[in-house]
N, C-alpha and C. Protein backbone atom coordinates (compact mmCIF):
# COMPACT_ATOMS: atom_id res chain seq x y z
N MET A 1 -4.36 10.72 -2.43
CA MET A 1 -4.05 9.44 -1.75
C MET A 1 -2.67 9.83 -1.06
N TRP A 2 -1.71 10.47 -1.65
CA TRP A 2 -0.47 10.71 -0.94
C TRP A 2 -0.66 11.58 0.22
N ARG A 3 -1.60 12.56 0.20
CA ARG A 3 -1.88 13.34 1.41
C ARG A 3 -2.55 12.55 2.50
N LEU A 4 -3.45 11.62 2.07
CA LEU A 4 -4.28 10.83 3.05
C LEU A 4 -3.24 9.85 3.75
N THR A 5 -2.31 9.17 2.95
CA THR A 5 -1.43 8.40 3.79
C THR A 5 -0.57 9.05 4.64
N ALA A 6 -0.08 10.35 4.27
CA ALA A 6 0.75 11.11 5.23
C ALA A 6 -0.07 11.60 6.35
N ALA A 7 -1.28 11.81 6.21
CA ALA A 7 -2.16 12.10 7.47
C ALA A 7 -2.45 11.00 8.35
N VAL A 8 -2.59 9.87 7.85
CA VAL A 8 -2.77 8.62 8.61
C VAL A 8 -1.47 8.22 9.39
N ASN A 9 -0.27 8.30 8.73
CA ASN A 9 0.93 7.86 9.24
C ASN A 9 1.91 8.90 9.03
N PRO A 10 2.32 9.82 9.92
CA PRO A 10 3.35 10.82 9.79
C PRO A 10 4.60 10.37 9.33
N LEU A 11 4.95 9.16 9.51
CA LEU A 11 6.15 8.63 9.07
C LEU A 11 6.26 8.52 7.54
N LEU A 12 5.21 8.59 6.90
CA LEU A 12 4.99 8.46 5.54
C LEU A 12 5.04 9.82 4.85
N ARG A 13 5.25 11.01 5.61
CA ARG A 13 5.16 12.27 5.00
C ARG A 13 6.30 12.51 3.80
N PRO A 14 7.57 12.05 4.25
CA PRO A 14 8.55 12.24 3.01
C PRO A 14 8.27 11.48 1.78
N PRO A 15 7.92 10.21 1.79
CA PRO A 15 7.62 9.58 0.60
C PRO A 15 6.41 10.11 -0.03
N ALA A 16 5.39 10.59 0.74
CA ALA A 16 4.16 11.11 0.16
C ALA A 16 4.57 12.52 -0.50
N GLU A 17 5.54 13.20 0.09
CA GLU A 17 5.84 14.52 -0.69
C GLU A 17 6.49 14.20 -2.06
N ALA A 18 7.40 13.14 -1.94
CA ALA A 18 8.05 12.84 -3.15
C ALA A 18 7.16 12.24 -4.13
N GLY A 19 6.28 11.43 -3.78
CA GLY A 19 5.28 10.76 -4.58
C GLY A 19 4.40 11.89 -5.15
N GLY A 20 4.03 12.85 -4.49
CA GLY A 20 3.29 14.02 -4.96
C GLY A 20 4.04 14.80 -6.01
N PHE A 21 5.23 14.98 -5.79
CA PHE A 21 6.20 15.75 -6.71
C PHE A 21 6.25 14.89 -8.00
N VAL A 22 6.50 13.53 -7.85
CA VAL A 22 6.60 12.71 -9.07
C VAL A 22 5.31 12.65 -9.94
N LEU A 23 4.25 12.67 -9.17
CA LEU A 23 2.92 12.57 -9.86
C LEU A 23 2.71 13.97 -10.63
N GLU A 24 3.06 15.15 -10.10
CA GLU A 24 2.98 16.36 -10.77
C GLU A 24 3.79 16.48 -11.84
N ARG A 25 5.01 15.90 -11.81
CA ARG A 25 5.97 15.88 -12.88
C ARG A 25 5.38 15.08 -14.04
N TRP A 26 4.83 13.92 -13.78
CA TRP A 26 4.22 12.97 -14.64
C TRP A 26 3.00 13.90 -15.54
N ALA A 27 2.32 14.52 -14.65
CA ALA A 27 1.30 15.24 -15.22
C ALA A 27 1.81 16.42 -16.23
N ASP A 28 2.93 16.97 -15.73
CA ASP A 28 3.58 18.03 -16.69
C ASP A 28 3.94 17.46 -17.89
N GLU A 29 4.64 16.24 -17.88
CA GLU A 29 5.14 15.66 -19.09
C GLU A 29 3.95 15.18 -20.04
N GLU A 30 2.83 14.79 -19.44
CA GLU A 30 1.69 14.37 -20.23
C GLU A 30 1.08 15.61 -20.89
N ALA A 31 1.14 16.76 -20.14
CA ALA A 31 0.57 17.99 -20.80
C ALA A 31 1.50 18.53 -21.87
N ALA A 32 2.75 18.35 -21.67
CA ALA A 32 3.71 18.80 -22.72
C ALA A 32 3.70 17.86 -23.96
N ALA A 33 3.29 16.68 -23.75
CA ALA A 33 3.24 15.65 -24.85
C ALA A 33 1.95 15.97 -25.65
N ARG A 34 0.91 16.33 -25.06
CA ARG A 34 -0.44 16.54 -25.63
C ARG A 34 -0.41 17.95 -26.35
N ILE A 35 0.25 19.00 -25.72
CA ILE A 35 0.08 20.20 -26.25
C ILE A 35 1.19 20.49 -27.30
N GLY A 36 2.35 19.83 -27.06
CA GLY A 36 3.35 19.82 -28.09
C GLY A 36 4.46 20.84 -27.87
N SER A 37 4.26 21.66 -26.75
CA SER A 37 5.13 22.74 -26.43
C SER A 37 5.54 22.59 -24.99
N ARG A 38 6.75 22.36 -24.64
CA ARG A 38 7.13 22.26 -23.22
C ARG A 38 7.03 23.72 -22.63
N THR A 39 7.43 24.71 -23.31
CA THR A 39 7.56 26.10 -22.93
C THR A 39 6.16 26.60 -22.51
N VAL A 40 5.19 26.19 -23.29
CA VAL A 40 3.89 26.70 -22.94
C VAL A 40 3.33 26.00 -21.58
N VAL A 41 3.71 24.85 -21.45
CA VAL A 41 3.28 24.03 -20.17
C VAL A 41 4.12 24.67 -18.99
N ALA A 42 5.37 24.99 -19.16
CA ALA A 42 6.24 25.59 -18.13
C ALA A 42 5.58 26.90 -17.69
N ARG A 43 5.07 27.73 -18.79
CA ARG A 43 4.55 29.08 -18.37
C ARG A 43 3.36 28.89 -17.65
N ALA A 44 2.44 27.88 -18.22
CA ALA A 44 1.07 27.70 -17.51
C ALA A 44 1.33 27.23 -16.06
N VAL A 45 2.26 26.42 -15.62
CA VAL A 45 2.61 25.99 -14.31
C VAL A 45 2.95 27.08 -13.48
N GLY A 46 3.90 27.98 -14.09
CA GLY A 46 4.34 29.09 -13.35
C GLY A 46 3.22 30.20 -12.93
N ARG A 47 2.47 30.42 -14.05
CA ARG A 47 1.23 31.42 -13.95
C ARG A 47 0.16 30.77 -12.90
N ALA A 48 -0.11 29.62 -12.91
CA ALA A 48 -0.96 28.86 -11.96
C ALA A 48 -0.52 28.99 -10.56
N ALA A 49 0.81 28.85 -10.31
CA ALA A 49 1.39 28.98 -9.09
C ALA A 49 1.28 30.35 -8.51
N LEU A 50 1.60 31.36 -9.50
CA LEU A 50 1.45 32.76 -9.02
C LEU A 50 0.15 33.21 -8.78
N ALA A 51 -0.92 32.71 -9.50
CA ALA A 51 -2.29 33.05 -9.40
C ALA A 51 -2.78 32.49 -8.05
N SER A 52 -2.32 31.42 -7.57
CA SER A 52 -2.80 30.79 -6.26
C SER A 52 -1.85 31.08 -5.20
N ALA A 53 -0.91 31.98 -5.29
CA ALA A 53 -0.04 32.24 -4.21
C ALA A 53 -0.71 32.95 -2.98
N GLY A 54 -1.72 33.77 -3.35
CA GLY A 54 -2.49 34.47 -2.24
C GLY A 54 -3.67 33.64 -1.70
N MET A 55 -3.91 32.48 -2.30
CA MET A 55 -5.12 31.71 -1.74
C MET A 55 -4.69 30.84 -0.65
N PRO A 56 -5.69 30.38 0.14
CA PRO A 56 -5.51 29.50 1.28
C PRO A 56 -5.04 28.05 0.63
N ARG A 57 -4.32 27.32 1.34
CA ARG A 57 -3.67 26.02 0.86
C ARG A 57 -4.65 25.06 0.46
N THR A 58 -5.91 25.06 1.13
CA THR A 58 -7.08 24.09 0.88
C THR A 58 -7.59 24.42 -0.53
N ALA A 59 -7.62 25.66 -0.96
CA ALA A 59 -8.27 26.04 -2.28
C ALA A 59 -7.31 26.01 -3.39
N THR A 60 -6.04 25.66 -3.31
CA THR A 60 -5.13 25.69 -4.33
C THR A 60 -5.37 24.45 -5.26
N LEU A 61 -5.13 24.64 -6.51
CA LEU A 61 -5.25 23.53 -7.49
C LEU A 61 -4.12 22.61 -7.27
N ALA A 62 -4.56 21.33 -7.68
CA ALA A 62 -3.37 20.20 -7.60
C ALA A 62 -2.17 20.52 -8.28
N ALA A 63 -2.35 21.20 -9.49
CA ALA A 63 -1.29 21.49 -10.41
C ALA A 63 -0.29 22.40 -9.79
N THR A 64 -0.64 23.26 -8.76
CA THR A 64 0.27 24.16 -8.18
C THR A 64 0.95 23.83 -6.94
N GLY A 65 0.54 22.48 -6.52
CA GLY A 65 1.21 22.10 -5.31
C GLY A 65 2.64 21.43 -5.58
N GLY A 66 3.49 21.35 -4.47
CA GLY A 66 4.76 20.77 -4.61
C GLY A 66 5.82 21.83 -4.95
N ALA A 67 6.90 21.38 -5.46
CA ALA A 67 8.11 22.19 -5.71
C ALA A 67 8.04 22.84 -7.06
N VAL A 68 7.13 23.83 -7.22
CA VAL A 68 6.84 24.51 -8.52
C VAL A 68 8.15 25.01 -9.36
N PRO A 69 9.07 25.69 -8.70
CA PRO A 69 10.29 26.06 -9.45
C PRO A 69 10.98 24.85 -10.00
N GLN A 70 11.10 23.77 -9.31
CA GLN A 70 11.80 22.60 -9.84
C GLN A 70 10.97 22.11 -11.09
N ARG A 71 9.67 22.06 -10.99
CA ARG A 71 8.86 21.58 -12.14
C ARG A 71 8.94 22.56 -13.39
N VAL A 72 9.04 23.79 -13.17
CA VAL A 72 9.06 24.69 -14.21
C VAL A 72 10.55 24.62 -14.81
N GLN A 73 11.56 24.37 -14.00
CA GLN A 73 12.96 24.19 -14.64
C GLN A 73 13.09 23.00 -15.40
N ALA A 74 12.36 21.90 -15.00
CA ALA A 74 12.49 20.59 -15.62
C ALA A 74 11.89 20.67 -17.07
N LEU A 75 10.80 21.40 -17.18
CA LEU A 75 10.05 21.27 -18.37
C LEU A 75 10.81 21.82 -19.75
N PRO A 76 11.59 22.83 -19.72
CA PRO A 76 12.24 23.22 -20.94
C PRO A 76 13.40 22.20 -21.35
N ALA A 77 13.80 21.42 -20.48
CA ALA A 77 14.77 20.29 -20.88
C ALA A 77 14.09 19.30 -21.63
N PRO A 78 14.86 18.54 -22.38
CA PRO A 78 14.15 17.41 -23.16
C PRO A 78 13.55 16.44 -22.24
N PRO A 79 12.47 15.73 -22.79
CA PRO A 79 11.80 14.83 -21.86
C PRO A 79 12.58 13.72 -21.50
N PRO A 80 12.35 13.26 -20.25
CA PRO A 80 13.17 12.11 -19.76
C PRO A 80 12.87 10.91 -20.59
N PRO A 81 13.92 9.99 -20.65
CA PRO A 81 13.74 8.80 -21.49
C PRO A 81 12.77 7.81 -20.74
N ARG A 82 12.01 7.08 -21.46
CA ARG A 82 11.04 6.12 -20.96
C ARG A 82 11.87 4.92 -20.40
N ARG A 83 11.40 4.59 -19.14
CA ARG A 83 12.27 3.49 -18.36
C ARG A 83 11.11 2.49 -18.07
N THR A 84 11.44 1.31 -18.76
CA THR A 84 10.53 0.22 -18.55
C THR A 84 11.02 -0.68 -17.35
N LEU A 85 12.27 -0.57 -16.94
CA LEU A 85 12.79 -1.49 -16.05
C LEU A 85 12.13 -1.34 -14.61
N PRO A 86 11.97 -0.04 -14.14
CA PRO A 86 11.17 0.09 -12.82
C PRO A 86 9.74 -0.43 -12.89
N PHE A 87 9.08 -0.21 -14.02
CA PHE A 87 7.72 -0.67 -14.16
C PHE A 87 7.86 -2.32 -14.19
N ALA A 88 8.69 -2.89 -14.83
CA ALA A 88 8.76 -4.36 -14.88
C ALA A 88 9.12 -4.98 -13.67
N ALA A 89 10.06 -4.41 -12.91
CA ALA A 89 10.47 -4.78 -11.59
C ALA A 89 9.44 -4.54 -10.58
N GLY A 90 8.63 -3.50 -10.64
CA GLY A 90 7.38 -3.48 -9.86
C GLY A 90 6.39 -4.44 -9.94
N ALA A 91 6.24 -4.65 -11.32
CA ALA A 91 5.22 -5.69 -11.62
C ALA A 91 5.50 -7.01 -11.19
N LEU A 92 6.86 -7.32 -11.37
CA LEU A 92 7.34 -8.74 -10.88
C LEU A 92 7.22 -8.70 -9.25
N LEU A 93 7.52 -7.65 -8.58
CA LEU A 93 7.45 -7.61 -7.28
C LEU A 93 6.05 -7.77 -6.71
N LEU A 94 5.24 -7.17 -7.39
CA LEU A 94 3.70 -7.28 -7.02
C LEU A 94 3.29 -8.70 -7.19
N THR A 95 3.73 -9.40 -8.38
CA THR A 95 3.32 -10.63 -8.71
C THR A 95 3.82 -11.62 -7.71
N LEU A 96 4.99 -11.43 -7.26
CA LEU A 96 5.65 -12.27 -6.15
C LEU A 96 4.89 -12.22 -4.92
N CYS A 97 4.56 -10.78 -4.46
CA CYS A 97 3.82 -10.65 -3.26
C CYS A 97 2.45 -11.36 -3.36
N CYS A 98 1.76 -11.26 -4.37
CA CYS A 98 0.46 -11.95 -4.57
C CYS A 98 0.59 -13.34 -4.44
N ALA A 99 1.63 -13.88 -5.15
CA ALA A 99 1.86 -15.36 -5.07
C ALA A 99 2.11 -15.81 -3.76
N GLY A 100 2.86 -14.91 -3.01
CA GLY A 100 3.30 -15.38 -1.51
C GLY A 100 2.13 -15.30 -0.78
N LEU A 101 1.19 -14.37 -0.94
CA LEU A 101 0.00 -14.22 -0.16
C LEU A 101 -1.02 -15.45 -0.45
N ALA A 102 -1.03 -15.89 -1.60
CA ALA A 102 -1.93 -16.91 -1.96
C ALA A 102 -1.36 -18.24 -1.40
N HIS A 103 -0.07 -18.36 -1.49
CA HIS A 103 0.45 -19.53 -0.90
C HIS A 103 0.22 -19.65 0.64
N ALA A 104 0.47 -18.51 1.19
CA ALA A 104 0.30 -18.42 2.77
C ALA A 104 -1.02 -18.75 3.02
N ALA A 105 -2.06 -18.22 2.37
CA ALA A 105 -3.45 -18.48 2.64
C ALA A 105 -3.77 -19.98 2.30
N SER A 106 -3.25 -20.70 1.36
CA SER A 106 -3.58 -22.08 1.20
C SER A 106 -2.79 -22.80 2.28
N ASP A 107 -1.74 -22.50 2.73
CA ASP A 107 -1.07 -23.12 3.86
C ASP A 107 -1.90 -23.04 5.10
N SER A 108 -2.39 -21.87 5.36
CA SER A 108 -3.13 -21.54 6.54
C SER A 108 -4.36 -22.44 6.61
N GLU A 109 -5.05 -22.61 5.40
CA GLU A 109 -6.25 -23.36 5.15
C GLU A 109 -5.87 -24.78 5.58
N SER A 110 -4.80 -25.33 5.09
CA SER A 110 -4.41 -26.70 5.26
C SER A 110 -4.07 -26.94 6.67
N LEU A 111 -3.40 -26.06 7.40
CA LEU A 111 -3.10 -26.08 8.87
C LEU A 111 -4.45 -26.13 9.72
N VAL A 112 -5.41 -25.25 9.27
CA VAL A 112 -6.69 -25.36 10.04
C VAL A 112 -7.40 -26.66 9.79
N GLU A 113 -7.29 -27.21 8.69
CA GLU A 113 -7.99 -28.41 8.45
C GLU A 113 -7.33 -29.64 8.98
N SER A 114 -6.01 -29.51 9.19
CA SER A 114 -5.36 -30.70 9.95
C SER A 114 -5.53 -30.52 11.47
N ALA A 115 -5.63 -29.41 11.88
CA ALA A 115 -5.86 -29.11 13.34
C ALA A 115 -7.33 -29.72 13.67
N GLU A 116 -8.25 -29.26 12.80
CA GLU A 116 -9.62 -29.91 13.03
C GLU A 116 -9.66 -31.36 12.99
N ARG A 117 -8.93 -32.00 12.04
CA ARG A 117 -8.80 -33.50 11.99
C ARG A 117 -8.11 -34.05 13.30
N ALA A 118 -7.08 -33.37 13.79
CA ALA A 118 -6.47 -33.84 15.03
C ALA A 118 -7.28 -33.77 16.14
N GLN A 119 -8.13 -32.65 16.12
CA GLN A 119 -9.16 -32.40 17.31
C GLN A 119 -10.17 -33.47 17.32
N ARG A 120 -10.75 -33.75 16.15
CA ARG A 120 -11.74 -34.89 16.09
C ARG A 120 -11.16 -36.20 16.46
N ALA A 121 -9.83 -36.50 16.01
CA ALA A 121 -9.26 -37.74 16.42
C ALA A 121 -9.03 -37.87 17.91
N ALA A 122 -8.68 -36.76 18.52
CA ALA A 122 -8.52 -36.64 19.91
C ALA A 122 -9.85 -36.82 20.72
N ASP A 123 -10.79 -36.22 20.16
CA ASP A 123 -12.14 -36.37 20.82
C ASP A 123 -12.67 -37.75 20.70
N ALA A 124 -12.30 -38.44 19.65
CA ALA A 124 -12.78 -39.76 19.42
C ALA A 124 -12.13 -40.72 20.32
N GLU A 125 -10.86 -40.48 20.73
CA GLU A 125 -10.04 -41.36 21.57
C GLU A 125 -10.53 -41.31 23.01
N VAL A 126 -11.05 -40.24 23.43
CA VAL A 126 -11.52 -40.01 24.74
C VAL A 126 -12.94 -40.37 24.96
N PRO A 127 -13.42 -41.33 25.76
CA PRO A 127 -14.68 -41.79 25.88
C PRO A 127 -15.52 -40.82 26.50
N GLY A 128 -16.77 -40.66 25.92
CA GLY A 128 -17.75 -39.84 26.41
C GLY A 128 -17.64 -38.36 26.12
N THR A 129 -16.82 -38.04 25.06
CA THR A 129 -16.68 -36.69 24.75
C THR A 129 -17.25 -36.41 23.27
N GLU A 130 -18.00 -37.32 22.68
CA GLU A 130 -18.63 -37.06 21.36
C GLU A 130 -19.81 -35.99 21.61
N GLY A 131 -19.53 -34.92 20.93
CA GLY A 131 -20.65 -34.00 21.08
C GLY A 131 -20.43 -32.99 22.06
N GLY A 132 -19.66 -33.16 23.08
CA GLY A 132 -19.43 -32.40 24.23
C GLY A 132 -18.31 -31.48 24.12
N PRO A 133 -18.17 -30.45 24.88
CA PRO A 133 -17.03 -29.61 24.75
C PRO A 133 -15.70 -30.28 25.21
N PRO A 134 -14.60 -30.03 24.55
CA PRO A 134 -13.34 -30.74 24.84
C PRO A 134 -12.90 -30.29 26.29
N SER A 135 -13.15 -29.16 26.71
CA SER A 135 -12.61 -28.67 27.97
C SER A 135 -13.18 -29.49 29.10
N ALA A 136 -14.46 -29.91 29.01
CA ALA A 136 -15.06 -30.69 30.09
C ALA A 136 -14.52 -32.01 30.27
N ALA A 137 -14.22 -32.74 29.13
CA ALA A 137 -13.55 -33.99 29.12
C ALA A 137 -12.20 -33.91 29.64
N ALA A 138 -11.50 -32.78 29.24
CA ALA A 138 -10.20 -32.70 29.69
C ALA A 138 -10.02 -32.40 31.19
N GLY A 139 -11.03 -31.76 31.75
CA GLY A 139 -10.94 -31.57 33.28
C GLY A 139 -11.32 -32.78 33.95
N ARG A 140 -12.00 -33.83 33.42
CA ARG A 140 -12.39 -34.95 34.07
C ARG A 140 -11.16 -35.93 34.11
N LEU A 141 -10.31 -35.81 33.11
CA LEU A 141 -9.17 -36.66 32.92
C LEU A 141 -7.82 -36.36 33.65
N LEU A 142 -7.90 -35.11 34.16
CA LEU A 142 -6.72 -34.67 34.82
C LEU A 142 -6.71 -35.15 36.26
N PRO A 143 -5.47 -35.62 36.77
CA PRO A 143 -5.44 -36.01 38.21
C PRO A 143 -5.57 -34.73 39.03
N PRO A 144 -6.12 -35.02 40.30
CA PRO A 144 -6.25 -33.88 41.19
C PRO A 144 -4.89 -33.35 41.55
N ARG A 145 -4.89 -32.04 41.77
CA ARG A 145 -3.62 -31.32 42.28
C ARG A 145 -3.21 -31.57 43.72
N ARG A 146 -1.92 -31.83 43.81
CA ARG A 146 -1.48 -31.94 45.15
C ARG A 146 -0.96 -30.62 45.81
N SER A 147 -1.20 -30.37 46.84
CA SER A 147 -0.77 -29.15 47.66
C SER A 147 0.66 -29.38 48.09
N ARG A 148 1.42 -28.34 48.18
CA ARG A 148 2.88 -28.53 48.83
C ARG A 148 2.83 -28.13 50.24
């Protein structure tokens, strides 16, 4: 998805690269937690990168993409602490955005309904316009133009 967004909009290339790196680091941390050895995962990431060094870019594994030396250096260190604040802030922001969209949709619906009522009331006030197009009635009611 990161590559697709960067291909669609080149301005999103830097965030897409950062997002890809973060995704790979997350996968590294998950692998280290499941295997139980951060050193084994670091060696596997390094070996996979070396094995795919001669291959074309399209054939490389997803695990070897990104800044491999940074990933290998990060694995021997203790795992990063779990941070719930960014997730909670993201969930709150997403909730607020969805609530704002729902409110805007209901406002739009009420605006359309009131515009339709106003149009029906305007059509009812002009004689001979029931069922006919409003533009025809408006053209009959306008005074003739005066030339200068």
